[in-house]
Amino acid sequence: MQQVTRILLLLILALVYTGCGNGEERESAPARDEAPELTQFELEHGIGPVTERLDIGDINVERARRGAEVFDLRCTACHRMGRRFVGPPLGEITEARSHEFIINFILNPEEMTNRHPVGQALLQEYMTIMPYQNVSKEQAIEIVDFLRYYAETGEDLRD
């Protein structure tokens, strides 16, 4: 019985080693450092649908309240405002990153994680990729206003 187990183990290891490819070479995915070079805008403001600076104006409290609702539904499973959780704390993110960067990360988390140096660093630190939350660009702007309001006032509109 032990010999059968050993043979099965060796067979499994051989299959894993060869990749179950019947000896055929498969095209490998490009390495992260082979990705096309990022533009200066992308390095500063992220990769995604926002490709130029946005003028979202001053904090709009009503927009921030709507953003708080979206944040509560889509973001609180992984984020807290003042402490590390599954993902990074977001209470002061608007002071560290541009509005465009935050919106691009919300709307395009997979590519931001795969291609952007900040996204790659976050993956290394938190060991998880932010899932796409199916929010619109307008909802992402509302979330940014909520985060701006929180950073400026310390008041959590979700209470």
N, C-alpha and C. Protein backbone atom coordinates (compact mmCIF):
# COMPACT_ATOMS: atom_id res chain seq x y z
N MET A 1 0.82 -1.19 0.00
CA MET A 1 0.00 0.00 0.00
C MET A 1 0.86 1.25 0.00
N GLN A 2 1.96 1.24 0.78
CA GLN A 2 2.84 2.40 0.82
C GLN A 2 3.47 2.65 -0.54
N GLN A 3 3.79 1.57 -1.25
CA GLN A 3 4.42 1.73 -2.56
C GLN A 3 3.44 2.36 -3.55
N VAL A 4 2.18 2.00 -3.49
CA VAL A 4 1.16 2.61 -4.36
C VAL A 4 1.03 4.09 -4.04
N THR A 5 1.05 4.43 -2.77
CA THR A 5 0.97 5.82 -2.36
C THR A 5 2.17 6.60 -2.88
N ARG A 6 3.36 6.01 -2.79
CA ARG A 6 4.56 6.67 -3.30
C ARG A 6 4.48 6.87 -4.80
N ILE A 7 4.03 5.86 -5.51
CA ILE A 7 3.91 5.97 -6.97
C ILE A 7 2.92 7.06 -7.34
N LEU A 8 1.79 7.10 -6.65
CA LEU A 8 0.80 8.15 -6.92
C LEU A 8 1.38 9.53 -6.62
N LEU A 9 2.11 9.66 -5.53
CA LEU A 9 2.73 10.93 -5.18
C LEU A 9 3.73 11.36 -6.25
N LEU A 10 4.56 10.42 -6.73
CA LEU A 10 5.52 10.74 -7.78
C LEU A 10 4.80 11.13 -9.08
N LEU A 11 3.73 10.45 -9.39
CA LEU A 11 2.95 10.78 -10.59
C LEU A 11 2.36 12.19 -10.48
N ILE A 12 1.81 12.52 -9.32
CA ILE A 12 1.25 13.86 -9.10
C ILE A 12 2.34 14.91 -9.20
N LEU A 13 3.48 14.65 -8.59
CA LEU A 13 4.59 15.61 -8.68
C LEU A 13 5.06 15.79 -10.12
N ALA A 14 5.11 14.71 -10.88
CA ALA A 14 5.52 14.81 -12.29
C ALA A 14 4.52 15.64 -13.08
N LEU A 15 3.24 15.43 -12.82
CA LEU A 15 2.22 16.22 -13.52
C LEU A 15 2.31 17.69 -13.16
N VAL A 16 2.51 17.98 -11.88
CA VAL A 16 2.64 19.36 -11.45
C VAL A 16 3.88 19.98 -12.09
N TYR A 17 4.97 19.24 -12.10
CA TYR A 17 6.22 19.75 -12.64
C TYR A 17 6.09 20.07 -14.12
N THR A 18 5.42 19.22 -14.87
CA THR A 18 5.29 19.45 -16.31
C THR A 18 4.11 20.35 -16.63
N GLY A 19 3.31 20.69 -15.65
CA GLY A 19 2.18 21.59 -15.87
C GLY A 19 1.04 20.94 -16.61
N CYS A 20 0.99 19.62 -16.61
CA CYS A 20 -0.09 18.89 -17.28
C CYS A 20 -0.22 19.30 -18.73
N GLY A 21 0.86 19.66 -19.37
CA GLY A 21 0.78 20.19 -20.73
C GLY A 21 1.18 19.21 -21.79
N ASN A 22 1.29 17.93 -21.51
CA ASN A 22 1.68 16.91 -22.46
C ASN A 22 2.97 17.28 -23.18
N GLY A 23 3.85 17.97 -22.50
CA GLY A 23 5.12 18.33 -23.10
C GLY A 23 5.06 19.55 -24.00
N GLU A 24 3.87 20.07 -24.27
CA GLU A 24 3.73 21.25 -25.14
C GLU A 24 4.10 22.49 -24.36
N GLU A 25 4.83 23.38 -25.01
CA GLU A 25 5.15 24.64 -24.35
C GLU A 25 3.95 25.55 -24.43
N ARG A 26 3.70 26.21 -23.32
CA ARG A 26 2.61 27.17 -23.29
C ARG A 26 3.20 28.56 -23.21
N GLU A 27 2.47 29.51 -23.80
CA GLU A 27 2.91 30.89 -23.73
C GLU A 27 2.65 31.39 -22.32
N SER A 28 3.67 31.94 -21.71
CA SER A 28 3.49 32.44 -20.35
C SER A 28 2.99 33.87 -20.37
N ALA A 29 2.33 34.25 -19.30
CA ALA A 29 1.85 35.63 -19.17
C ALA A 29 3.06 36.54 -19.03
N PRO A 30 2.96 37.77 -19.56
CA PRO A 30 4.09 38.68 -19.44
C PRO A 30 4.37 39.01 -17.99
N ALA A 31 5.63 39.12 -17.66
CA ALA A 31 5.99 39.52 -16.30
C ALA A 31 5.56 40.95 -16.07
N ARG A 32 5.38 41.29 -14.78
CA ARG A 32 4.92 42.64 -14.45
C ARG A 32 5.86 43.70 -14.98
N ASP A 33 7.17 43.43 -15.00
CA ASP A 33 8.08 44.45 -15.47
C ASP A 33 8.12 44.54 -16.99
N GLU A 34 7.40 43.64 -17.68
CA GLU A 34 7.30 43.71 -19.12
C GLU A 34 6.09 44.52 -19.57
N ALA A 35 5.27 44.97 -18.63
CA ALA A 35 4.09 45.76 -18.97
C ALA A 35 4.54 47.07 -19.60
N PRO A 36 3.72 47.61 -20.50
CA PRO A 36 4.09 48.88 -21.11
C PRO A 36 4.36 49.94 -20.04
N GLU A 37 5.32 50.78 -20.33
CA GLU A 37 5.70 51.83 -19.39
C GLU A 37 4.52 52.76 -19.14
N LEU A 38 4.42 53.22 -17.90
CA LEU A 38 3.33 54.12 -17.52
C LEU A 38 3.72 55.55 -17.85
N THR A 39 2.71 56.33 -18.19
CA THR A 39 2.94 57.75 -18.43
C THR A 39 3.13 58.45 -17.09
N GLN A 40 3.61 59.67 -17.14
CA GLN A 40 3.75 60.45 -15.91
C GLN A 40 2.40 60.64 -15.23
N PHE A 41 1.35 60.90 -16.02
CA PHE A 41 0.01 61.04 -15.45
C PHE A 41 -0.40 59.76 -14.73
N GLU A 42 -0.19 58.61 -15.37
CA GLU A 42 -0.58 57.34 -14.76
C GLU A 42 0.21 57.06 -13.48
N LEU A 43 1.48 57.40 -13.47
CA LEU A 43 2.26 57.21 -12.25
C LEU A 43 1.72 58.05 -11.11
N GLU A 44 1.31 59.28 -11.41
CA GLU A 44 0.84 60.18 -10.37
C GLU A 44 -0.64 59.98 -10.03
N HIS A 45 -1.46 59.67 -11.05
CA HIS A 45 -2.91 59.67 -10.86
C HIS A 45 -3.58 58.33 -11.15
N GLY A 46 -2.80 57.31 -11.40
CA GLY A 46 -3.36 55.98 -11.57
C GLY A 46 -3.73 55.63 -13.00
N ILE A 47 -4.03 54.35 -13.17
CA ILE A 47 -4.39 53.79 -14.46
C ILE A 47 -5.88 53.52 -14.45
N GLY A 48 -6.60 54.05 -15.41
CA GLY A 48 -8.04 53.81 -15.46
C GLY A 48 -8.74 54.79 -16.36
N PRO A 49 -10.03 54.93 -16.15
CA PRO A 49 -10.82 55.78 -17.04
C PRO A 49 -10.54 57.27 -16.89
N VAL A 50 -9.99 57.68 -15.75
CA VAL A 50 -9.67 59.10 -15.56
C VAL A 50 -8.28 59.33 -16.13
N THR A 51 -8.22 60.06 -17.23
CA THR A 51 -6.95 60.27 -17.94
C THR A 51 -6.50 61.72 -17.95
N GLU A 52 -7.24 62.56 -17.25
CA GLU A 52 -6.84 63.95 -17.09
C GLU A 52 -7.35 64.45 -15.75
N ARG A 53 -6.78 65.56 -15.29
CA ARG A 53 -7.18 66.10 -13.99
C ARG A 53 -8.67 66.42 -13.98
N LEU A 54 -9.31 66.17 -12.85
CA LEU A 54 -10.73 66.46 -12.66
C LEU A 54 -10.87 67.67 -11.76
N ASP A 55 -11.84 68.49 -12.06
CA ASP A 55 -12.18 69.59 -11.16
C ASP A 55 -13.50 69.21 -10.48
N ILE A 56 -13.39 68.61 -9.30
CA ILE A 56 -14.62 68.22 -8.60
C ILE A 56 -15.05 69.27 -7.59
N GLY A 57 -14.31 70.37 -7.56
CA GLY A 57 -14.70 71.49 -6.73
C GLY A 57 -14.51 71.25 -5.25
N ASP A 58 -15.09 72.15 -4.47
CA ASP A 58 -15.04 72.03 -3.01
C ASP A 58 -15.88 70.85 -2.56
N ILE A 59 -15.70 70.46 -1.32
CA ILE A 59 -16.48 69.36 -0.76
C ILE A 59 -17.95 69.75 -0.78
N ASN A 60 -18.74 68.86 -1.32
CA ASN A 60 -20.18 69.02 -1.36
C ASN A 60 -20.75 68.04 -0.33
N VAL A 61 -21.35 68.56 0.72
CA VAL A 61 -21.79 67.71 1.83
C VAL A 61 -22.84 66.69 1.39
N GLU A 62 -23.74 67.09 0.53
CA GLU A 62 -24.76 66.13 0.06
C GLU A 62 -24.11 65.02 -0.76
N ARG A 63 -23.16 65.39 -1.61
CA ARG A 63 -22.43 64.38 -2.39
C ARG A 63 -21.63 63.49 -1.43
N ALA A 64 -21.05 64.08 -0.39
CA ALA A 64 -20.30 63.31 0.61
C ALA A 64 -21.22 62.34 1.35
N ARG A 65 -22.45 62.76 1.63
CA ARG A 65 -23.42 61.86 2.30
C ARG A 65 -23.75 60.67 1.39
N ARG A 66 -23.96 60.94 0.11
CA ARG A 66 -24.20 59.84 -0.84
C ARG A 66 -22.98 58.92 -0.91
N GLY A 67 -21.79 59.53 -0.90
CA GLY A 67 -20.55 58.75 -0.90
C GLY A 67 -20.41 57.89 0.34
N ALA A 68 -20.85 58.42 1.48
CA ALA A 68 -20.81 57.64 2.72
C ALA A 68 -21.69 56.41 2.61
N GLU A 69 -22.85 56.55 1.97
CA GLU A 69 -23.75 55.40 1.78
C GLU A 69 -23.11 54.35 0.88
N VAL A 70 -22.51 54.81 -0.22
CA VAL A 70 -21.84 53.87 -1.14
C VAL A 70 -20.66 53.21 -0.42
N PHE A 71 -19.88 54.01 0.30
CA PHE A 71 -18.75 53.48 1.06
C PHE A 71 -19.22 52.41 2.03
N ASP A 72 -20.30 52.68 2.72
CA ASP A 72 -20.83 51.73 3.70
C ASP A 72 -21.22 50.42 3.03
N LEU A 73 -21.80 50.48 1.84
CA LEU A 73 -22.24 49.27 1.14
C LEU A 73 -21.09 48.53 0.46
N ARG A 74 -20.14 49.26 -0.09
CA ARG A 74 -19.14 48.63 -0.95
C ARG A 74 -17.74 48.51 -0.35
N CYS A 75 -17.42 49.31 0.64
CA CYS A 75 -16.02 49.41 1.07
C CYS A 75 -15.73 48.90 2.47
N THR A 76 -16.73 48.90 3.34
CA THR A 76 -16.47 48.59 4.75
C THR A 76 -16.15 47.13 5.03
N ALA A 77 -16.37 46.26 4.07
CA ALA A 77 -15.97 44.86 4.28
C ALA A 77 -14.45 44.75 4.38
N CYS A 78 -13.74 45.71 3.78
CA CYS A 78 -12.27 45.64 3.75
C CYS A 78 -11.56 46.85 4.34
N HIS A 79 -12.24 47.98 4.45
CA HIS A 79 -11.56 49.21 4.87
C HIS A 79 -12.16 49.81 6.12
N ARG A 80 -11.30 50.37 6.94
CA ARG A 80 -11.67 51.20 8.07
C ARG A 80 -11.04 52.56 7.84
N MET A 81 -11.51 53.54 8.56
CA MET A 81 -11.00 54.89 8.34
C MET A 81 -9.64 55.09 9.01
N GLY A 82 -9.49 54.65 10.25
CA GLY A 82 -8.29 54.98 10.99
C GLY A 82 -7.37 53.82 11.32
N ARG A 83 -7.66 52.65 10.76
CA ARG A 83 -6.80 51.52 11.09
C ARG A 83 -6.77 50.51 9.95
N ARG A 84 -5.70 49.77 9.94
CA ARG A 84 -5.51 48.70 8.97
C ARG A 84 -6.59 47.64 9.18
N PHE A 85 -7.08 47.09 8.09
CA PHE A 85 -8.04 46.00 8.17
C PHE A 85 -7.64 45.03 7.07
N VAL A 86 -8.55 44.53 6.28
CA VAL A 86 -8.19 43.70 5.13
C VAL A 86 -7.39 44.56 4.15
N GLY A 87 -7.82 45.80 3.97
CA GLY A 87 -7.12 46.76 3.14
C GLY A 87 -6.62 47.92 3.97
N PRO A 88 -5.98 48.88 3.33
CA PRO A 88 -5.40 50.00 4.08
C PRO A 88 -6.45 50.93 4.66
N PRO A 89 -6.08 51.67 5.72
CA PRO A 89 -6.99 52.67 6.26
C PRO A 89 -7.17 53.80 5.25
N LEU A 90 -8.37 54.36 5.20
CA LEU A 90 -8.66 55.37 4.18
C LEU A 90 -8.96 56.74 4.75
N GLY A 91 -8.88 56.93 6.05
CA GLY A 91 -9.24 58.19 6.67
C GLY A 91 -8.43 59.38 6.19
N GLU A 92 -7.19 59.16 5.77
CA GLU A 92 -6.35 60.26 5.31
C GLU A 92 -5.86 60.06 3.88
N ILE A 93 -6.50 59.18 3.14
CA ILE A 93 -6.04 58.86 1.79
C ILE A 93 -6.09 60.07 0.85
N THR A 94 -7.05 60.97 1.08
CA THR A 94 -7.15 62.13 0.18
C THR A 94 -6.01 63.11 0.40
N GLU A 95 -5.29 62.97 1.50
CA GLU A 95 -4.12 63.82 1.74
C GLU A 95 -2.87 63.21 1.11
N ALA A 96 -2.91 61.91 0.84
CA ALA A 96 -1.75 61.21 0.28
C ALA A 96 -1.85 61.00 -1.23
N ARG A 97 -3.06 60.88 -1.75
CA ARG A 97 -3.27 60.56 -3.17
C ARG A 97 -4.24 61.56 -3.80
N SER A 98 -4.10 61.73 -5.10
CA SER A 98 -4.99 62.65 -5.83
C SER A 98 -6.38 62.04 -5.97
N HIS A 99 -7.34 62.90 -6.23
CA HIS A 99 -8.72 62.42 -6.45
C HIS A 99 -8.74 61.45 -7.63
N GLU A 100 -8.00 61.77 -8.67
CA GLU A 100 -7.96 60.93 -9.86
C GLU A 100 -7.40 59.55 -9.54
N PHE A 101 -6.36 59.51 -8.71
CA PHE A 101 -5.76 58.24 -8.31
C PHE A 101 -6.78 57.37 -7.58
N ILE A 102 -7.46 57.96 -6.62
CA ILE A 102 -8.45 57.21 -5.83
C ILE A 102 -9.57 56.70 -6.73
N ILE A 103 -10.06 57.56 -7.62
CA ILE A 103 -11.14 57.15 -8.53
C ILE A 103 -10.66 56.04 -9.45
N ASN A 104 -9.46 56.17 -10.01
CA ASN A 104 -8.94 55.12 -10.89
C ASN A 104 -8.77 53.81 -10.12
N PHE A 105 -8.35 53.87 -8.86
CA PHE A 105 -8.19 52.63 -8.09
C PHE A 105 -9.55 51.99 -7.82
N ILE A 106 -10.55 52.81 -7.54
CA ILE A 106 -11.90 52.28 -7.31
C ILE A 106 -12.46 51.64 -8.58
N LEU A 107 -12.27 52.31 -9.70
CA LEU A 107 -12.88 51.86 -10.96
C LEU A 107 -12.05 50.82 -11.71
N ASN A 108 -10.77 50.69 -11.38
CA ASN A 108 -9.88 49.80 -12.12
C ASN A 108 -8.89 49.10 -11.19
N PRO A 109 -9.38 48.44 -10.14
CA PRO A 109 -8.46 47.90 -9.13
C PRO A 109 -7.52 46.81 -9.64
N GLU A 110 -7.98 45.98 -10.55
CA GLU A 110 -7.13 44.87 -11.01
C GLU A 110 -5.91 45.39 -11.77
N GLU A 111 -6.15 46.29 -12.71
CA GLU A 111 -5.01 46.82 -13.47
C GLU A 111 -4.12 47.68 -12.59
N MET A 112 -4.71 48.42 -11.67
CA MET A 112 -3.90 49.22 -10.74
C MET A 112 -2.99 48.29 -9.93
N THR A 113 -3.49 47.15 -9.51
CA THR A 113 -2.69 46.21 -8.73
C THR A 113 -1.63 45.53 -9.59
N ASN A 114 -1.99 45.19 -10.81
CA ASN A 114 -1.06 44.48 -11.68
C ASN A 114 0.01 45.35 -12.29
N ARG A 115 -0.29 46.64 -12.55
CA ARG A 115 0.65 47.46 -13.32
C ARG A 115 1.20 48.68 -12.61
N HIS A 116 0.52 49.17 -11.60
CA HIS A 116 0.97 50.41 -10.96
C HIS A 116 1.86 50.09 -9.76
N PRO A 117 2.98 50.79 -9.59
CA PRO A 117 3.87 50.49 -8.47
C PRO A 117 3.21 50.61 -7.10
N VAL A 118 2.31 51.55 -6.92
CA VAL A 118 1.62 51.69 -5.63
C VAL A 118 0.70 50.49 -5.42
N GLY A 119 -0.03 50.10 -6.45
CA GLY A 119 -0.91 48.92 -6.35
C GLY A 119 -0.12 47.67 -6.06
N GLN A 120 1.06 47.52 -6.69
CA GLN A 120 1.89 46.35 -6.44
C GLN A 120 2.42 46.35 -5.01
N ALA A 121 2.78 47.53 -4.50
CA ALA A 121 3.25 47.63 -3.12
C ALA A 121 2.13 47.29 -2.13
N LEU A 122 0.91 47.75 -2.44
CA LEU A 122 -0.23 47.43 -1.57
C LEU A 122 -0.51 45.93 -1.57
N LEU A 123 -0.38 45.31 -2.73
CA LEU A 123 -0.57 43.85 -2.80
C LEU A 123 0.46 43.14 -1.94
N GLN A 124 1.70 43.58 -2.00
CA GLN A 124 2.76 42.98 -1.18
C GLN A 124 2.45 43.12 0.32
N GLU A 125 1.94 44.30 0.68
CA GLU A 125 1.68 44.56 2.10
C GLU A 125 0.42 43.88 2.61
N TYR A 126 -0.66 43.91 1.81
CA TYR A 126 -1.96 43.41 2.29
C TYR A 126 -2.31 42.03 1.75
N MET A 127 -1.55 41.54 0.78
CA MET A 127 -1.72 40.19 0.24
C MET A 127 -3.12 39.92 -0.32
N THR A 128 -3.77 40.96 -0.82
CA THR A 128 -5.08 40.77 -1.43
C THR A 128 -5.30 41.83 -2.49
N ILE A 129 -6.01 41.47 -3.52
CA ILE A 129 -6.35 42.41 -4.59
C ILE A 129 -7.73 42.98 -4.31
N MET A 130 -7.84 44.29 -4.37
CA MET A 130 -9.15 44.91 -4.17
C MET A 130 -10.09 44.45 -5.29
N PRO A 131 -11.24 43.92 -4.95
CA PRO A 131 -12.18 43.51 -5.99
C PRO A 131 -12.90 44.72 -6.60
N TYR A 132 -13.28 44.57 -7.84
CA TYR A 132 -14.08 45.59 -8.50
C TYR A 132 -15.44 45.64 -7.82
N GLN A 133 -15.90 46.83 -7.45
CA GLN A 133 -17.13 46.97 -6.68
C GLN A 133 -18.33 47.43 -7.50
N ASN A 134 -18.16 47.54 -8.82
CA ASN A 134 -19.26 47.89 -9.70
C ASN A 134 -19.92 49.22 -9.31
N VAL A 135 -19.08 50.22 -9.11
CA VAL A 135 -19.60 51.57 -8.85
C VAL A 135 -19.36 52.42 -10.09
N SER A 136 -20.19 53.40 -10.26
CA SER A 136 -20.05 54.32 -11.40
C SER A 136 -18.99 55.37 -11.09
N LYS A 137 -18.60 56.10 -12.11
CA LYS A 137 -17.64 57.18 -11.90
C LYS A 137 -18.23 58.22 -10.94
N GLU A 138 -19.50 58.52 -11.08
CA GLU A 138 -20.15 59.49 -10.19
C GLU A 138 -20.13 58.99 -8.75
N GLN A 139 -20.39 57.71 -8.54
CA GLN A 139 -20.33 57.15 -7.18
C GLN A 139 -18.91 57.19 -6.63
N ALA A 140 -17.93 56.97 -7.49
CA ALA A 140 -16.52 57.05 -7.05
C ALA A 140 -16.20 58.48 -6.61
N ILE A 141 -16.70 59.47 -7.34
CA ILE A 141 -16.51 60.87 -6.95
C ILE A 141 -17.20 61.14 -5.62
N GLU A 142 -18.37 60.58 -5.41
CA GLU A 142 -19.08 60.73 -4.14
C GLU A 142 -18.26 60.13 -2.99
N ILE A 143 -17.66 58.96 -3.24
CA ILE A 143 -16.81 58.34 -2.21
C ILE A 143 -15.63 59.26 -1.90
N VAL A 144 -15.03 59.84 -2.93
CA VAL A 144 -13.91 60.76 -2.72
C VAL A 144 -14.37 61.95 -1.87
N ASP A 145 -15.55 62.48 -2.16
CA ASP A 145 -16.04 63.60 -1.35
C ASP A 145 -16.26 63.18 0.11
N PHE A 146 -16.77 61.97 0.32
CA PHE A 146 -16.91 61.47 1.68
C PHE A 146 -15.55 61.38 2.35
N LEU A 147 -14.55 60.84 1.67
CA LEU A 147 -13.21 60.71 2.23
C LEU A 147 -12.58 62.08 2.49
N ARG A 148 -12.82 63.03 1.58
CA ARG A 148 -12.32 64.40 1.79
C ARG A 148 -12.97 65.03 3.02
N TYR A 149 -14.29 64.85 3.13
CA TYR A 149 -15.03 65.40 4.27
C TYR A 149 -14.50 64.80 5.58
N TYR A 150 -14.31 63.49 5.59
CA TYR A 150 -13.80 62.82 6.79
C TYR A 150 -12.41 63.33 7.14
N ALA A 151 -11.52 63.44 6.14
CA ALA A 151 -10.15 63.90 6.39
C ALA A 151 -10.13 65.33 6.93
N GLU A 152 -11.06 66.15 6.45
CA GLU A 152 -11.08 67.56 6.87
C GLU A 152 -11.74 67.75 8.24
N THR A 153 -12.81 67.01 8.51
CA THR A 153 -13.59 67.26 9.72
C THR A 153 -13.44 66.19 10.80
N GLY A 154 -13.04 64.98 10.39
CA GLY A 154 -13.01 63.87 11.34
C GLY A 154 -14.38 63.30 11.61
N GLU A 155 -15.39 63.84 10.94
CA GLU A 155 -16.78 63.40 11.13
C GLU A 155 -17.12 62.30 10.13
N ASP A 156 -17.63 61.20 10.65
CA ASP A 156 -18.03 60.08 9.81
C ASP A 156 -19.53 60.21 9.52
N LEU A 157 -19.87 60.51 8.30
CA LEU A 157 -21.25 60.73 7.91
C LEU A 157 -22.10 59.45 7.93
N ARG A 158 -21.48 58.33 8.21
CA ARG A 158 -22.24 57.07 8.25
C ARG A 158 -22.91 56.86 9.59
N ASP A 159 -22.59 57.65 10.59
CA ASP A 159 -23.15 57.48 11.93
C ASP A 159 -24.60 57.87 11.99
